[in-house]
N, C-alpha and C. Protein backbone atom coordinates (compact mmCIF):
# COMPACT_ATOMS: atom_id res chain seq x y z
N MET A 1 39.01 -6.33 -41.62
CA MET A 1 38.59 -7.65 -42.09
C MET A 1 37.17 -7.94 -41.61
N ILE A 2 36.32 -8.35 -42.52
CA ILE A 2 34.94 -8.67 -42.18
C ILE A 2 34.88 -10.09 -41.62
N SER A 3 34.17 -10.25 -40.53
CA SER A 3 33.98 -11.56 -39.93
C SER A 3 32.60 -12.08 -40.33
N LEU A 4 32.57 -13.23 -40.97
CA LEU A 4 31.30 -13.80 -41.41
C LEU A 4 30.72 -14.66 -40.31
N GLN A 5 29.41 -14.58 -40.15
CA GLN A 5 28.73 -15.40 -39.16
C GLN A 5 28.08 -16.57 -39.87
N PHE A 6 28.69 -17.76 -39.73
CA PHE A 6 28.20 -18.95 -40.41
C PHE A 6 27.12 -19.65 -39.61
N TYR A 7 26.30 -20.41 -40.32
CA TYR A 7 25.23 -21.18 -39.69
C TYR A 7 25.83 -22.24 -38.77
N LYS A 8 25.33 -22.28 -37.54
CA LYS A 8 25.85 -23.22 -36.54
C LYS A 8 24.77 -24.15 -35.99
N GLY A 9 23.70 -24.34 -36.74
CA GLY A 9 22.69 -25.30 -36.31
C GLY A 9 21.44 -24.71 -35.67
N LYS A 10 21.38 -23.40 -35.55
CA LYS A 10 20.18 -22.77 -34.96
C LYS A 10 19.70 -21.63 -35.82
N HIS A 11 18.38 -21.44 -35.82
CA HIS A 11 17.75 -20.32 -36.52
C HIS A 11 18.03 -20.34 -38.03
N PHE A 12 17.79 -21.50 -38.65
CA PHE A 12 18.01 -21.65 -40.09
C PHE A 12 17.01 -20.79 -40.88
N TRP A 13 15.75 -20.80 -40.44
CA TRP A 13 14.69 -20.10 -41.15
C TRP A 13 14.54 -18.68 -40.63
N LYS A 14 14.33 -17.73 -41.54
CA LYS A 14 14.11 -16.33 -41.17
C LYS A 14 12.73 -16.20 -40.55
N SER A 15 12.67 -15.46 -39.46
CA SER A 15 11.40 -15.22 -38.79
C SER A 15 11.43 -13.82 -38.21
N PRO A 16 10.43 -13.00 -38.48
CA PRO A 16 9.28 -13.27 -39.36
C PRO A 16 9.70 -13.28 -40.83
N SER A 17 8.82 -13.82 -41.65
CA SER A 17 9.12 -13.97 -43.07
C SER A 17 7.88 -13.66 -43.89
N GLU A 18 8.11 -13.10 -45.07
CA GLU A 18 6.99 -12.84 -45.99
C GLU A 18 6.66 -14.08 -46.82
N TYR A 19 7.58 -15.04 -46.87
CA TYR A 19 7.39 -16.27 -47.66
C TYR A 19 6.59 -17.24 -46.81
N LYS A 20 5.42 -17.62 -47.28
CA LYS A 20 4.58 -18.53 -46.52
C LYS A 20 5.00 -19.97 -46.80
N PRO A 21 5.48 -20.69 -45.78
CA PRO A 21 5.89 -22.08 -46.00
C PRO A 21 4.70 -22.98 -46.31
N GLY A 22 5.02 -24.15 -46.84
CA GLY A 22 3.99 -25.14 -47.13
C GLY A 22 3.54 -25.83 -45.85
N GLU A 23 2.64 -26.79 -46.02
CA GLU A 23 2.14 -27.58 -44.89
C GLU A 23 3.28 -28.42 -44.31
N ALA A 24 3.14 -28.83 -43.06
CA ALA A 24 4.16 -29.65 -42.40
C ALA A 24 4.44 -30.92 -43.22
N VAL A 25 5.71 -31.29 -43.26
CA VAL A 25 6.16 -32.44 -44.05
C VAL A 25 6.22 -33.69 -43.16
N THR A 26 5.56 -34.75 -43.61
CA THR A 26 5.58 -36.01 -42.87
C THR A 26 6.59 -36.97 -43.51
N ASP A 27 6.95 -38.02 -42.77
CA ASP A 27 7.85 -39.04 -43.31
C ASP A 27 7.24 -39.69 -44.54
N THR A 28 5.94 -39.88 -44.55
CA THR A 28 5.25 -40.47 -45.70
C THR A 28 5.41 -39.59 -46.93
N GLN A 29 5.25 -38.28 -46.76
CA GLN A 29 5.42 -37.35 -47.89
C GLN A 29 6.85 -37.36 -48.40
N VAL A 30 7.82 -37.43 -47.49
CA VAL A 30 9.22 -37.49 -47.90
C VAL A 30 9.46 -38.73 -48.75
N SER A 31 8.95 -39.88 -48.31
CA SER A 31 9.10 -41.13 -49.08
C SER A 31 8.45 -41.01 -50.45
N GLU A 32 7.28 -40.39 -50.49
CA GLU A 32 6.56 -40.20 -51.75
C GLU A 32 7.36 -39.33 -52.72
N ILE A 33 7.91 -38.26 -52.23
CA ILE A 33 8.70 -37.34 -53.07
C ILE A 33 9.99 -38.02 -53.53
N GLU A 34 10.66 -38.74 -52.60
CA GLU A 34 11.88 -39.45 -52.98
C GLU A 34 11.60 -40.48 -54.06
N GLN A 35 10.50 -41.20 -53.93
CA GLN A 35 10.14 -42.20 -54.93
C GLN A 35 9.85 -41.53 -56.27
N MET A 36 9.11 -40.43 -56.25
CA MET A 36 8.78 -39.72 -57.48
C MET A 36 10.03 -39.20 -58.18
N LEU A 37 10.97 -38.64 -57.40
CA LEU A 37 12.19 -38.07 -57.96
C LEU A 37 13.27 -39.13 -58.23
N GLY A 38 13.11 -40.31 -57.63
CA GLY A 38 14.08 -41.38 -57.82
C GLY A 38 15.39 -41.15 -57.09
N VAL A 39 15.32 -40.46 -55.95
CA VAL A 39 16.52 -40.14 -55.17
C VAL A 39 16.25 -40.34 -53.69
N ARG A 40 17.32 -40.33 -52.92
CA ARG A 40 17.22 -40.29 -51.46
C ARG A 40 17.70 -38.90 -51.05
N LEU A 41 16.82 -38.13 -50.44
CA LEU A 41 17.17 -36.76 -50.03
C LEU A 41 18.09 -36.79 -48.81
N PRO A 42 19.01 -35.83 -48.72
CA PRO A 42 19.92 -35.78 -47.57
C PRO A 42 19.14 -35.64 -46.26
N LYS A 43 19.60 -36.37 -45.25
CA LYS A 43 18.94 -36.38 -43.94
C LYS A 43 18.79 -34.97 -43.37
N LYS A 44 19.86 -34.18 -43.42
CA LYS A 44 19.83 -32.83 -42.86
C LYS A 44 18.80 -31.96 -43.60
N TYR A 45 18.72 -32.11 -44.91
CA TYR A 45 17.74 -31.36 -45.70
C TYR A 45 16.32 -31.73 -45.25
N VAL A 46 16.05 -33.02 -45.11
CA VAL A 46 14.72 -33.47 -44.68
C VAL A 46 14.39 -32.91 -43.30
N GLU A 47 15.36 -32.94 -42.39
CA GLU A 47 15.14 -32.41 -41.04
C GLU A 47 14.76 -30.93 -41.08
N LEU A 48 15.48 -30.15 -41.88
CA LEU A 48 15.18 -28.72 -42.00
C LEU A 48 13.79 -28.50 -42.59
N MET A 49 13.44 -29.31 -43.58
CA MET A 49 12.13 -29.15 -44.22
C MET A 49 11.00 -29.62 -43.31
N GLN A 50 11.28 -30.55 -42.40
CA GLN A 50 10.27 -30.97 -41.44
C GLN A 50 10.12 -29.93 -40.33
N GLU A 51 11.18 -29.17 -40.08
CA GLU A 51 11.11 -28.06 -39.12
C GLU A 51 10.20 -26.96 -39.69
N GLN A 52 10.37 -26.67 -40.98
CA GLN A 52 9.53 -25.69 -41.69
C GLN A 52 9.60 -26.04 -43.17
N ASN A 53 8.45 -26.18 -43.79
CA ASN A 53 8.40 -26.63 -45.18
C ASN A 53 8.62 -25.48 -46.16
N GLY A 54 9.89 -25.10 -46.32
CA GLY A 54 10.23 -24.03 -47.24
C GLY A 54 10.12 -22.67 -46.58
N GLY A 55 10.72 -21.69 -47.25
CA GLY A 55 10.65 -20.34 -46.73
C GLY A 55 11.98 -19.64 -46.84
N GLU A 56 12.02 -18.42 -46.29
CA GLU A 56 13.23 -17.60 -46.33
C GLU A 56 14.28 -18.15 -45.38
N LEU A 57 15.53 -18.12 -45.83
CA LEU A 57 16.64 -18.55 -45.01
C LEU A 57 17.19 -17.36 -44.23
N ALA A 58 17.51 -17.57 -42.96
CA ALA A 58 18.16 -16.53 -42.17
C ALA A 58 19.60 -16.37 -42.66
N TYR A 59 20.27 -17.48 -42.90
CA TYR A 59 21.64 -17.49 -43.40
C TYR A 59 21.53 -17.69 -44.91
N ARG A 60 21.55 -16.61 -45.66
CA ARG A 60 21.15 -16.66 -47.06
C ARG A 60 22.26 -16.43 -48.06
N TYR A 61 23.50 -16.48 -47.62
CA TYR A 61 24.62 -16.27 -48.54
C TYR A 61 25.57 -17.46 -48.46
N VAL A 62 26.19 -17.78 -49.59
CA VAL A 62 27.18 -18.85 -49.63
C VAL A 62 28.32 -18.39 -50.54
N LEU A 63 29.54 -18.68 -50.11
CA LEU A 63 30.72 -18.25 -50.86
C LEU A 63 31.09 -19.25 -51.95
N PHE A 64 31.48 -18.72 -53.09
CA PHE A 64 32.11 -19.52 -54.12
C PHE A 64 33.59 -19.61 -53.77
N ASP A 65 34.30 -20.54 -54.40
CA ASP A 65 35.73 -20.69 -54.13
C ASP A 65 36.53 -19.43 -54.45
N ASP A 66 36.04 -18.62 -55.40
CA ASP A 66 36.78 -17.41 -55.79
C ASP A 66 36.49 -16.21 -54.89
N GLY A 67 35.65 -16.40 -53.87
CA GLY A 67 35.35 -15.32 -52.93
C GLY A 67 34.06 -14.58 -53.22
N ASP A 68 33.49 -14.76 -54.42
CA ASP A 68 32.17 -14.19 -54.70
C ASP A 68 31.13 -14.94 -53.88
N ALA A 69 29.96 -14.33 -53.72
CA ALA A 69 28.90 -14.97 -52.94
C ALA A 69 27.63 -15.09 -53.78
N ALA A 70 26.89 -16.14 -53.53
CA ALA A 70 25.57 -16.32 -54.13
C ALA A 70 24.53 -16.10 -53.05
N VAL A 71 23.37 -15.62 -53.46
CA VAL A 71 22.26 -15.44 -52.54
C VAL A 71 21.35 -16.66 -52.65
N VAL A 72 21.02 -17.23 -51.51
CA VAL A 72 20.07 -18.34 -51.44
C VAL A 72 18.91 -17.82 -50.60
N PRO A 73 17.97 -17.10 -51.24
CA PRO A 73 16.96 -16.39 -50.46
C PRO A 73 15.96 -17.29 -49.74
N TYR A 74 15.65 -18.43 -50.32
CA TYR A 74 14.64 -19.32 -49.73
C TYR A 74 14.81 -20.71 -50.30
N PHE A 75 14.13 -21.68 -49.69
CA PHE A 75 13.99 -23.02 -50.24
C PHE A 75 12.54 -23.19 -50.64
N HIS A 76 12.33 -23.83 -51.78
CA HIS A 76 10.97 -24.18 -52.21
C HIS A 76 10.39 -25.22 -51.25
N GLU A 77 9.07 -25.33 -51.25
CA GLU A 77 8.39 -26.33 -50.44
C GLU A 77 8.75 -27.72 -50.93
N LEU A 78 8.75 -28.67 -50.00
CA LEU A 78 9.00 -30.08 -50.32
C LEU A 78 7.64 -30.76 -50.49
N GLU A 79 7.11 -30.63 -51.71
CA GLU A 79 5.79 -31.19 -52.02
C GLU A 79 5.82 -31.81 -53.40
N VAL A 80 4.96 -32.78 -53.63
CA VAL A 80 4.93 -33.50 -54.90
C VAL A 80 4.47 -32.62 -56.05
N ASP A 81 3.43 -31.80 -55.81
CA ASP A 81 2.81 -31.06 -56.90
C ASP A 81 3.21 -29.59 -56.97
N ARG A 82 4.20 -29.19 -56.18
CA ARG A 82 4.75 -27.84 -56.26
C ARG A 82 6.12 -27.83 -55.62
N GLY A 83 6.81 -26.71 -55.71
CA GLY A 83 8.13 -26.63 -55.10
C GLY A 83 9.10 -27.65 -55.67
N VAL A 84 9.77 -28.37 -54.79
CA VAL A 84 10.80 -29.34 -55.17
C VAL A 84 10.23 -30.43 -56.08
N GLY A 85 8.98 -30.78 -55.89
CA GLY A 85 8.35 -31.81 -56.71
C GLY A 85 8.29 -31.45 -58.19
N LEU A 86 8.39 -30.17 -58.52
CA LEU A 86 8.36 -29.74 -59.91
C LEU A 86 9.74 -29.75 -60.57
N SER A 87 10.76 -30.21 -59.84
CA SER A 87 12.12 -30.23 -60.38
C SER A 87 12.22 -30.86 -61.76
N PRO A 88 11.65 -32.07 -62.00
CA PRO A 88 11.79 -32.67 -63.33
C PRO A 88 11.21 -31.79 -64.45
N ILE A 89 10.12 -31.10 -64.16
CA ILE A 89 9.48 -30.23 -65.16
C ILE A 89 10.38 -29.03 -65.46
N PHE A 90 10.90 -28.38 -64.41
CA PHE A 90 11.76 -27.21 -64.62
C PHE A 90 13.10 -27.59 -65.24
N VAL A 91 13.64 -28.75 -64.88
CA VAL A 91 14.89 -29.22 -65.48
C VAL A 91 14.71 -29.36 -66.99
N GLU A 92 13.60 -29.98 -67.39
CA GLU A 92 13.35 -30.17 -68.82
C GLU A 92 13.05 -28.84 -69.50
N GLU A 93 12.18 -28.03 -68.91
CA GLU A 93 11.76 -26.76 -69.50
C GLU A 93 12.94 -25.80 -69.67
N CYS A 94 13.86 -25.79 -68.71
CA CYS A 94 14.99 -24.85 -68.75
C CYS A 94 16.23 -25.42 -69.43
N GLY A 95 16.18 -26.70 -69.82
CA GLY A 95 17.35 -27.32 -70.44
C GLY A 95 18.49 -27.53 -69.47
N LEU A 96 18.15 -27.78 -68.21
CA LEU A 96 19.17 -28.03 -67.18
C LEU A 96 19.64 -29.48 -67.27
N PRO A 97 20.81 -29.79 -66.70
CA PRO A 97 21.26 -31.18 -66.69
C PRO A 97 20.27 -32.07 -65.94
N GLU A 98 20.10 -33.29 -66.41
CA GLU A 98 19.22 -34.23 -65.72
C GLU A 98 19.79 -34.59 -64.36
N HIS A 99 18.95 -35.15 -63.52
CA HIS A 99 19.32 -35.63 -62.18
C HIS A 99 19.66 -34.50 -61.21
N LEU A 100 19.06 -33.32 -61.43
CA LEU A 100 19.15 -32.25 -60.46
C LEU A 100 17.82 -32.15 -59.72
N VAL A 101 17.89 -31.93 -58.42
CA VAL A 101 16.70 -31.64 -57.62
C VAL A 101 16.84 -30.18 -57.20
N LEU A 102 15.92 -29.36 -57.68
CA LEU A 102 16.02 -27.90 -57.51
C LEU A 102 15.48 -27.47 -56.14
N LEU A 103 16.37 -26.91 -55.32
CA LEU A 103 15.98 -26.45 -53.99
C LEU A 103 15.40 -25.05 -54.02
N THR A 104 15.93 -24.23 -54.92
CA THR A 104 15.45 -22.86 -55.06
C THR A 104 15.93 -22.34 -56.41
N GLY A 105 15.25 -21.35 -56.93
CA GLY A 105 15.67 -20.76 -58.19
C GLY A 105 14.60 -19.88 -58.79
N ASP A 106 14.99 -19.20 -59.88
CA ASP A 106 14.10 -18.23 -60.49
C ASP A 106 14.14 -18.26 -62.02
N PHE A 107 14.49 -19.38 -62.59
CA PHE A 107 14.61 -19.58 -64.04
C PHE A 107 15.90 -18.99 -64.61
N HIS A 108 16.63 -18.18 -63.86
CA HIS A 108 17.90 -17.62 -64.31
C HIS A 108 19.08 -18.24 -63.55
N SER A 109 18.79 -18.67 -62.32
CA SER A 109 19.80 -19.36 -61.52
C SER A 109 19.09 -20.31 -60.56
N TRP A 110 19.79 -21.38 -60.21
CA TRP A 110 19.21 -22.42 -59.36
C TRP A 110 20.25 -22.92 -58.37
N VAL A 111 19.82 -23.32 -57.18
CA VAL A 111 20.64 -24.10 -56.26
C VAL A 111 20.00 -25.47 -56.26
N ALA A 112 20.83 -26.50 -56.50
CA ALA A 112 20.28 -27.84 -56.69
C ALA A 112 21.12 -28.91 -56.03
N LEU A 113 20.44 -29.99 -55.68
CA LEU A 113 21.12 -31.22 -55.29
C LEU A 113 21.47 -31.92 -56.60
N ASP A 114 22.72 -32.32 -56.74
CA ASP A 114 23.23 -32.90 -57.99
C ASP A 114 23.44 -34.40 -57.80
N TYR A 115 22.56 -35.18 -58.41
CA TYR A 115 22.62 -36.63 -58.29
C TYR A 115 23.26 -37.29 -59.51
N ARG A 116 23.95 -36.54 -60.35
CA ARG A 116 24.51 -37.11 -61.58
C ARG A 116 25.61 -38.13 -61.32
N ASN A 117 26.53 -37.82 -60.41
CA ASN A 117 27.66 -38.72 -60.18
C ASN A 117 27.44 -39.69 -59.04
N GLU A 118 26.83 -39.21 -57.98
CA GLU A 118 26.63 -40.05 -56.80
C GLU A 118 25.15 -40.01 -56.45
N ARG A 119 24.46 -41.09 -56.73
CA ARG A 119 23.02 -41.10 -56.59
C ARG A 119 22.54 -41.15 -55.14
N SER A 120 23.41 -41.49 -54.18
CA SER A 120 22.95 -41.57 -52.80
C SER A 120 23.37 -40.35 -51.97
N VAL A 121 24.50 -39.71 -52.32
CA VAL A 121 24.96 -38.52 -51.60
C VAL A 121 25.20 -37.43 -52.63
N PRO A 122 24.21 -36.55 -52.82
CA PRO A 122 24.35 -35.53 -53.87
C PRO A 122 25.27 -34.39 -53.46
N ARG A 123 25.90 -33.80 -54.45
CA ARG A 123 26.64 -32.56 -54.26
C ARG A 123 25.63 -31.42 -54.36
N VAL A 124 26.02 -30.23 -53.95
CA VAL A 124 25.16 -29.05 -54.07
C VAL A 124 25.82 -28.13 -55.09
N VAL A 125 25.06 -27.77 -56.12
CA VAL A 125 25.59 -26.93 -57.19
C VAL A 125 24.73 -25.68 -57.38
N TYR A 126 25.37 -24.66 -57.92
CA TYR A 126 24.71 -23.43 -58.32
C TYR A 126 24.78 -23.41 -59.83
N VAL A 127 23.63 -23.29 -60.49
CA VAL A 127 23.57 -23.30 -61.94
C VAL A 127 22.97 -21.96 -62.37
N ALA A 128 23.69 -21.26 -63.26
CA ALA A 128 23.24 -19.94 -63.69
C ALA A 128 23.30 -19.84 -65.21
N GLU A 129 22.41 -19.02 -65.76
CA GLU A 129 22.43 -18.77 -67.20
C GLU A 129 23.78 -18.24 -67.62
N ASP A 130 24.26 -18.72 -68.73
CA ASP A 130 25.50 -18.20 -69.30
C ASP A 130 25.24 -16.76 -69.72
N GLU A 131 26.15 -15.87 -69.39
CA GLU A 131 25.96 -14.44 -69.68
C GLU A 131 25.95 -14.12 -71.17
N SER A 132 26.38 -15.05 -72.00
CA SER A 132 26.41 -14.81 -73.45
C SER A 132 25.01 -14.85 -74.06
N GLY A 133 24.04 -15.38 -73.28
CA GLY A 133 22.67 -15.45 -73.80
C GLY A 133 22.46 -16.57 -74.80
N ASN A 134 23.35 -17.55 -74.81
CA ASN A 134 23.25 -18.65 -75.77
C ASN A 134 22.40 -19.81 -75.28
N GLY A 135 21.76 -19.66 -74.14
CA GLY A 135 20.90 -20.71 -73.62
C GLY A 135 21.63 -21.79 -72.85
N LEU A 136 22.93 -21.64 -72.69
CA LEU A 136 23.70 -22.61 -71.93
C LEU A 136 23.73 -22.21 -70.46
N TRP A 137 24.12 -23.16 -69.63
CA TRP A 137 24.17 -22.93 -68.19
C TRP A 137 25.60 -23.07 -67.70
N GLN A 138 25.98 -22.23 -66.76
CA GLN A 138 27.27 -22.36 -66.09
C GLN A 138 27.01 -23.00 -64.74
N GLU A 139 27.92 -23.85 -64.33
CA GLU A 139 27.76 -24.60 -63.09
C GLU A 139 28.89 -24.33 -62.14
N TYR A 140 28.56 -24.23 -60.86
CA TYR A 140 29.56 -24.01 -59.82
C TYR A 140 29.27 -24.96 -58.67
N LEU A 141 30.28 -25.66 -58.22
CA LEU A 141 30.13 -26.55 -57.08
C LEU A 141 30.10 -25.70 -55.81
N LEU A 142 29.06 -25.85 -55.01
CA LEU A 142 28.97 -25.13 -53.74
C LEU A 142 29.49 -25.98 -52.59
N ALA A 143 29.22 -27.30 -52.64
CA ALA A 143 29.67 -28.19 -51.57
C ALA A 143 29.55 -29.64 -52.04
N GLU A 144 30.38 -30.48 -51.47
CA GLU A 144 30.37 -31.91 -51.80
C GLU A 144 29.15 -32.62 -51.22
N THR A 145 28.60 -32.08 -50.11
CA THR A 145 27.41 -32.67 -49.49
C THR A 145 26.48 -31.55 -49.04
N PHE A 146 25.23 -31.91 -48.76
CA PHE A 146 24.29 -30.91 -48.26
C PHE A 146 24.72 -30.39 -46.90
N ASP A 147 25.24 -31.28 -46.04
CA ASP A 147 25.70 -30.85 -44.71
C ASP A 147 26.78 -29.79 -44.84
N GLN A 148 27.74 -30.01 -45.75
CA GLN A 148 28.80 -29.02 -45.96
C GLN A 148 28.22 -27.71 -46.50
N PHE A 149 27.24 -27.81 -47.38
CA PHE A 149 26.59 -26.62 -47.93
C PHE A 149 25.98 -25.78 -46.80
N VAL A 150 25.24 -26.41 -45.92
CA VAL A 150 24.57 -25.69 -44.83
C VAL A 150 25.60 -25.01 -43.94
N GLU A 151 26.73 -25.68 -43.69
CA GLU A 151 27.79 -25.09 -42.85
C GLU A 151 28.44 -23.88 -43.52
N ARG A 152 28.32 -23.77 -44.83
CA ARG A 152 28.93 -22.65 -45.58
C ARG A 152 28.00 -21.45 -45.70
N LEU A 153 26.73 -21.59 -45.30
CA LEU A 153 25.78 -20.48 -45.35
C LEU A 153 26.13 -19.48 -44.26
N PHE A 154 26.00 -18.17 -44.59
CA PHE A 154 26.34 -17.15 -43.61
C PHE A 154 25.41 -15.95 -43.71
N LEU A 155 25.44 -15.12 -42.66
CA LEU A 155 24.71 -13.86 -42.62
C LEU A 155 25.59 -12.80 -43.23
N LYS A 156 24.97 -11.79 -43.84
CA LYS A 156 25.74 -10.69 -44.41
C LYS A 156 25.77 -9.52 -43.46
């Protein structure tokens, strides 16, 4: 039996890393981004982004309910004009559901904060292209809250 090592609050970011994080995030920048996106970002997410503004995750895997795992290689920078700030543009361009804040992705799959049902406490979802190639997206719930999502991240 394989024993998974889950994130326990230390060493969230991979170091050293080839992904260059953005500039340090201030409370003012967080407020600006929240206002632009029309959401309140989860406290734990903001804390992690203030520790390091984007980059490779040390704990980069998360389990689906069926036992499969998704790779969460990095988080985009928390900035207005790039990274997370581009969520509305990518949501529209890719035909994703509205009210998603994209934490990471590559145009084929995304990990996002889902503000559709609960605008103050978002769920975390994984959205992937439908394998049929019909332009639709398949959605999988990763966690009811960002805190639960982080606790489900593990090392391989």
